[in-house]
Amino acid sequence: MGVNEKPILLQAQYFSSVNGWKRLALHTSDGKVLPVLIKEPDNIADQYMILCNTSGIHNIPSELIAKYVKSGKGVALMDLSVIGESSTPET
């Protein structure tokens, strides 16, 4: 893959839900695996808020997540930093 090429989504892998959160992993052409957690909105027509943190999902303030969930909006938590995630072991 060239330096200026953008990675493409190869696969979305779904896992069982935990505490009302859908879990999936997005596999990209550059070998990365991006974890995503999704809480659906109360009303299917409502908005989604996509939240991420450069230090990983677990560093997104729980108060911020709770605020959006309580408001009825859908919430997607994305780990774009891919901390500790890789489809191939690093040497």
N, C-alpha and C. Protein backbone atom coordinates (compact mmCIF):
# COMPACT_ATOMS: atom_id res chain seq x y z
N MET A 1 0.85 -1.18 0.00
CA MET A 1 0.00 0.00 0.00
C MET A 1 0.89 1.23 0.00
N GLY A 2 0.65 2.14 -0.91
CA GLY A 2 1.46 3.35 -1.02
C GLY A 2 1.20 4.32 0.12
N VAL A 3 2.15 5.22 0.33
CA VAL A 3 2.06 6.20 1.42
C VAL A 3 0.83 7.09 1.30
N ASN A 4 0.47 7.49 0.08
CA ASN A 4 -0.64 8.41 -0.11
C ASN A 4 -1.98 7.71 -0.33
N GLU A 5 -1.99 6.38 -0.30
CA GLU A 5 -3.24 5.65 -0.48
C GLU A 5 -4.04 5.64 0.82
N LYS A 6 -5.34 5.85 0.69
CA LYS A 6 -6.21 5.81 1.85
C LYS A 6 -6.66 4.38 2.09
N PRO A 7 -6.66 3.94 3.36
CA PRO A 7 -7.13 2.58 3.63
C PRO A 7 -8.63 2.48 3.32
N ILE A 8 -9.04 1.28 2.94
CA ILE A 8 -10.46 1.06 2.68
C ILE A 8 -10.99 0.02 3.67
N LEU A 9 -12.28 0.08 3.91
CA LEU A 9 -12.92 -0.87 4.80
C LEU A 9 -13.06 -2.20 4.09
N LEU A 10 -12.52 -3.26 4.69
CA LEU A 10 -12.60 -4.59 4.11
C LEU A 10 -13.73 -5.41 4.70
N GLN A 11 -13.95 -5.24 6.02
CA GLN A 11 -14.91 -6.09 6.70
C GLN A 11 -15.39 -5.43 7.98
N ALA A 12 -16.65 -5.64 8.29
CA ALA A 12 -17.20 -5.27 9.59
C ALA A 12 -17.51 -6.57 10.31
N GLN A 13 -16.86 -6.77 11.44
CA GLN A 13 -17.04 -8.00 12.22
C GLN A 13 -17.90 -7.68 13.44
N TYR A 14 -19.02 -8.39 13.58
CA TYR A 14 -19.97 -8.13 14.66
C TYR A 14 -19.79 -9.13 15.79
N PHE A 15 -19.95 -8.63 17.02
CA PHE A 15 -19.84 -9.46 18.21
C PHE A 15 -21.15 -9.33 19.00
N SER A 16 -21.31 -10.15 20.02
CA SER A 16 -22.51 -10.08 20.84
C SER A 16 -22.56 -8.75 21.60
N SER A 17 -23.78 -8.26 21.82
CA SER A 17 -23.98 -7.01 22.56
C SER A 17 -23.67 -7.21 24.04
N VAL A 18 -23.23 -6.12 24.68
CA VAL A 18 -22.95 -6.14 26.11
C VAL A 18 -23.59 -4.90 26.73
N ASN A 19 -24.47 -5.10 27.69
CA ASN A 19 -25.14 -4.01 28.41
C ASN A 19 -25.80 -3.00 27.46
N GLY A 20 -26.41 -3.49 26.38
CA GLY A 20 -27.10 -2.62 25.45
C GLY A 20 -26.22 -1.97 24.40
N TRP A 21 -24.94 -2.28 24.39
CA TRP A 21 -24.01 -1.72 23.42
C TRP A 21 -23.69 -2.78 22.36
N LYS A 22 -23.92 -2.45 21.09
CA LYS A 22 -23.50 -3.32 20.00
C LYS A 22 -21.99 -3.17 19.85
N ARG A 23 -21.32 -4.28 19.59
CA ARG A 23 -19.87 -4.26 19.45
C ARG A 23 -19.48 -4.75 18.07
N LEU A 24 -18.56 -4.02 17.45
CA LEU A 24 -18.05 -4.46 16.17
C LEU A 24 -16.61 -4.02 15.99
N ALA A 25 -15.97 -4.62 15.01
CA ALA A 25 -14.59 -4.26 14.65
C ALA A 25 -14.56 -4.02 13.15
N LEU A 26 -13.96 -2.91 12.76
CA LEU A 26 -13.81 -2.58 11.35
C LEU A 26 -12.40 -2.93 10.91
N HIS A 27 -12.28 -3.82 9.94
CA HIS A 27 -10.98 -4.25 9.42
C HIS A 27 -10.67 -3.45 8.16
N THR A 28 -9.49 -2.85 8.11
CA THR A 28 -9.12 -1.99 6.99
C THR A 28 -8.00 -2.61 6.15
N SER A 29 -7.85 -2.09 4.94
CA SER A 29 -6.86 -2.62 3.99
C SER A 29 -5.41 -2.43 4.45
N ASP A 30 -5.19 -1.55 5.43
CA ASP A 30 -3.82 -1.36 5.93
C ASP A 30 -3.54 -2.22 7.16
N GLY A 31 -4.42 -3.21 7.41
CA GLY A 31 -4.18 -4.18 8.49
C GLY A 31 -4.64 -3.73 9.86
N LYS A 32 -5.34 -2.63 9.96
CA LYS A 32 -5.81 -2.16 11.26
C LYS A 32 -7.19 -2.74 11.59
N VAL A 33 -7.46 -2.84 12.89
CA VAL A 33 -8.76 -3.27 13.38
C VAL A 33 -9.26 -2.16 14.31
N LEU A 34 -10.36 -1.49 13.91
CA LEU A 34 -10.90 -0.37 14.66
C LEU A 34 -12.11 -0.81 15.47
N PRO A 35 -11.99 -0.84 16.80
CA PRO A 35 -13.13 -1.23 17.63
C PRO A 35 -14.19 -0.11 17.67
N VAL A 36 -15.46 -0.52 17.64
CA VAL A 36 -16.57 0.43 17.69
C VAL A 36 -17.64 -0.11 18.63
N LEU A 37 -18.17 0.75 19.48
CA LEU A 37 -19.32 0.43 20.33
C LEU A 37 -20.47 1.32 19.91
N ILE A 38 -21.68 0.76 19.78
CA ILE A 38 -22.83 1.54 19.34
C ILE A 38 -24.01 1.33 20.28
N LYS A 39 -24.57 2.43 20.75
CA LYS A 39 -25.81 2.44 21.54
C LYS A 39 -26.84 3.10 20.64
N GLU A 40 -27.88 2.37 20.25
CA GLU A 40 -28.87 2.91 19.32
C GLU A 40 -29.71 3.99 19.99
N PRO A 41 -30.21 4.94 19.20
CA PRO A 41 -31.05 6.01 19.76
C PRO A 41 -32.41 5.45 20.18
N ASP A 42 -33.11 6.18 21.05
CA ASP A 42 -34.45 5.78 21.48
C ASP A 42 -35.40 5.73 20.30
N ASN A 43 -35.29 6.69 19.41
CA ASN A 43 -36.14 6.78 18.22
C ASN A 43 -35.23 6.61 17.01
N ILE A 44 -35.57 5.68 16.14
CA ILE A 44 -34.70 5.36 15.01
C ILE A 44 -34.38 6.57 14.14
N ALA A 45 -35.23 7.60 14.16
CA ALA A 45 -35.00 8.81 13.35
C ALA A 45 -34.05 9.79 14.03
N ASP A 46 -33.69 9.53 15.28
CA ASP A 46 -32.84 10.47 16.01
C ASP A 46 -31.39 10.43 15.53
N GLN A 47 -30.64 11.39 16.04
CA GLN A 47 -29.22 11.55 15.68
C GLN A 47 -28.33 10.55 16.38
N TYR A 48 -27.15 10.40 15.81
CA TYR A 48 -26.06 9.67 16.45
C TYR A 48 -24.95 10.67 16.77
N MET A 49 -24.35 10.50 17.90
CA MET A 49 -23.16 11.27 18.26
C MET A 49 -21.98 10.30 18.17
N ILE A 50 -20.97 10.67 17.41
CA ILE A 50 -19.78 9.84 17.28
C ILE A 50 -18.70 10.45 18.15
N LEU A 51 -18.25 9.68 19.13
CA LEU A 51 -17.26 10.17 20.10
C LEU A 51 -15.99 9.34 19.99
N CYS A 52 -14.86 10.02 20.02
CA CYS A 52 -13.58 9.32 20.05
C CYS A 52 -12.59 10.14 20.87
N ASN A 53 -11.52 9.49 21.28
CA ASN A 53 -10.48 10.14 22.07
C ASN A 53 -9.15 9.61 21.56
N THR A 54 -8.18 10.47 21.40
CA THR A 54 -6.88 10.03 20.88
C THR A 54 -6.19 9.03 21.80
N SER A 55 -6.66 8.93 23.04
CA SER A 55 -6.08 7.97 23.99
C SER A 55 -6.92 6.70 24.10
N GLY A 56 -7.94 6.55 23.26
CA GLY A 56 -8.76 5.34 23.26
C GLY A 56 -10.15 5.54 23.82
N ILE A 57 -11.02 4.57 23.54
CA ILE A 57 -12.43 4.62 23.96
C ILE A 57 -12.59 4.81 25.45
N HIS A 58 -11.76 4.12 26.22
CA HIS A 58 -11.92 4.14 27.68
C HIS A 58 -11.58 5.50 28.30
N ASN A 59 -11.05 6.41 27.50
CA ASN A 59 -10.74 7.75 27.99
C ASN A 59 -11.76 8.80 27.56
N ILE A 60 -12.87 8.35 26.96
CA ILE A 60 -13.97 9.26 26.68
C ILE A 60 -14.73 9.45 27.99
N PRO A 61 -14.94 10.69 28.42
CA PRO A 61 -15.59 10.91 29.71
C PRO A 61 -16.97 10.24 29.79
N SER A 62 -17.17 9.43 30.82
CA SER A 62 -18.44 8.71 30.99
C SER A 62 -19.62 9.67 31.14
N GLU A 63 -19.36 10.86 31.69
CA GLU A 63 -20.43 11.86 31.84
C GLU A 63 -20.93 12.33 30.48
N LEU A 64 -20.02 12.46 29.51
CA LEU A 64 -20.39 12.88 28.17
C LEU A 64 -21.22 11.80 27.48
N ILE A 65 -20.79 10.56 27.62
CA ILE A 65 -21.53 9.44 27.04
C ILE A 65 -22.93 9.38 27.65
N ALA A 66 -23.01 9.45 28.97
CA ALA A 66 -24.30 9.39 29.68
C ALA A 66 -25.22 10.52 29.26
N LYS A 67 -24.67 11.70 29.05
CA LYS A 67 -25.47 12.86 28.62
C LYS A 67 -26.19 12.57 27.31
N TYR A 68 -25.48 12.04 26.33
CA TYR A 68 -26.08 11.76 25.03
C TYR A 68 -27.05 10.58 25.09
N VAL A 69 -26.70 9.55 25.84
CA VAL A 69 -27.60 8.40 25.99
C VAL A 69 -28.90 8.84 26.66
N LYS A 70 -28.78 9.63 27.73
CA LYS A 70 -29.95 10.11 28.46
C LYS A 70 -30.85 10.98 27.57
N SER A 71 -30.25 11.72 26.64
CA SER A 71 -31.01 12.60 25.75
C SER A 71 -31.75 11.81 24.66
N GLY A 72 -31.47 10.50 24.57
CA GLY A 72 -32.13 9.66 23.57
C GLY A 72 -31.39 9.54 22.26
N LYS A 73 -30.25 10.21 22.16
CA LYS A 73 -29.45 10.13 20.93
C LYS A 73 -28.71 8.79 20.89
N GLY A 74 -28.41 8.35 19.68
CA GLY A 74 -27.55 7.19 19.53
C GLY A 74 -26.12 7.63 19.78
N VAL A 75 -25.29 6.71 20.25
CA VAL A 75 -23.89 7.03 20.53
C VAL A 75 -23.01 5.96 19.89
N ALA A 76 -21.99 6.40 19.17
CA ALA A 76 -20.98 5.50 18.63
C ALA A 76 -19.65 5.90 19.22
N LEU A 77 -19.01 4.96 19.88
CA LEU A 77 -17.68 5.18 20.46
C LEU A 77 -16.68 4.50 19.55
N MET A 78 -15.72 5.27 19.05
CA MET A 78 -14.76 4.73 18.09
C MET A 78 -13.34 4.93 18.60
N ASP A 79 -12.55 3.88 18.46
CA ASP A 79 -11.14 3.95 18.83
C ASP A 79 -10.32 4.14 17.55
N LEU A 80 -10.18 5.38 17.12
CA LEU A 80 -9.44 5.68 15.90
C LEU A 80 -7.94 5.59 16.10
N SER A 81 -7.51 5.59 17.35
CA SER A 81 -6.07 5.49 17.63
C SER A 81 -5.59 4.05 17.50
N VAL A 82 -6.50 3.11 17.57
CA VAL A 82 -6.22 1.69 17.46
C VAL A 82 -5.15 1.27 18.48
N ILE A 83 -5.27 1.77 19.69
CA ILE A 83 -4.31 1.43 20.74
C ILE A 83 -4.46 -0.05 21.11
N GLY A 84 -3.38 -0.77 20.97
CA GLY A 84 -3.38 -2.18 21.34
C GLY A 84 -4.11 -3.06 20.36
N GLU A 85 -4.50 -2.56 19.22
CA GLU A 85 -5.24 -3.34 18.23
C GLU A 85 -4.43 -3.42 16.95
N SER A 86 -4.32 -4.60 16.42
CA SER A 86 -3.67 -4.79 15.12
C SER A 86 -4.03 -6.18 14.63
N SER A 87 -4.23 -6.31 13.34
CA SER A 87 -4.57 -7.61 12.79
C SER A 87 -3.33 -8.49 12.61
N THR A 88 -2.15 -7.87 12.68
CA THR A 88 -0.91 -8.64 12.58
C THR A 88 0.00 -8.26 13.73
N PRO A 89 0.69 -9.23 14.32
CA PRO A 89 1.57 -8.90 15.45
C PRO A 89 2.71 -7.98 15.03
N GLU A 90 3.05 -7.07 15.90
CA GLU A 90 4.16 -6.13 15.66
C GLU A 90 5.44 -6.81 16.11
N THR A 91 6.52 -6.58 15.41
CA THR A 91 7.80 -7.17 15.81
C THR A 91 8.74 -6.12 16.32
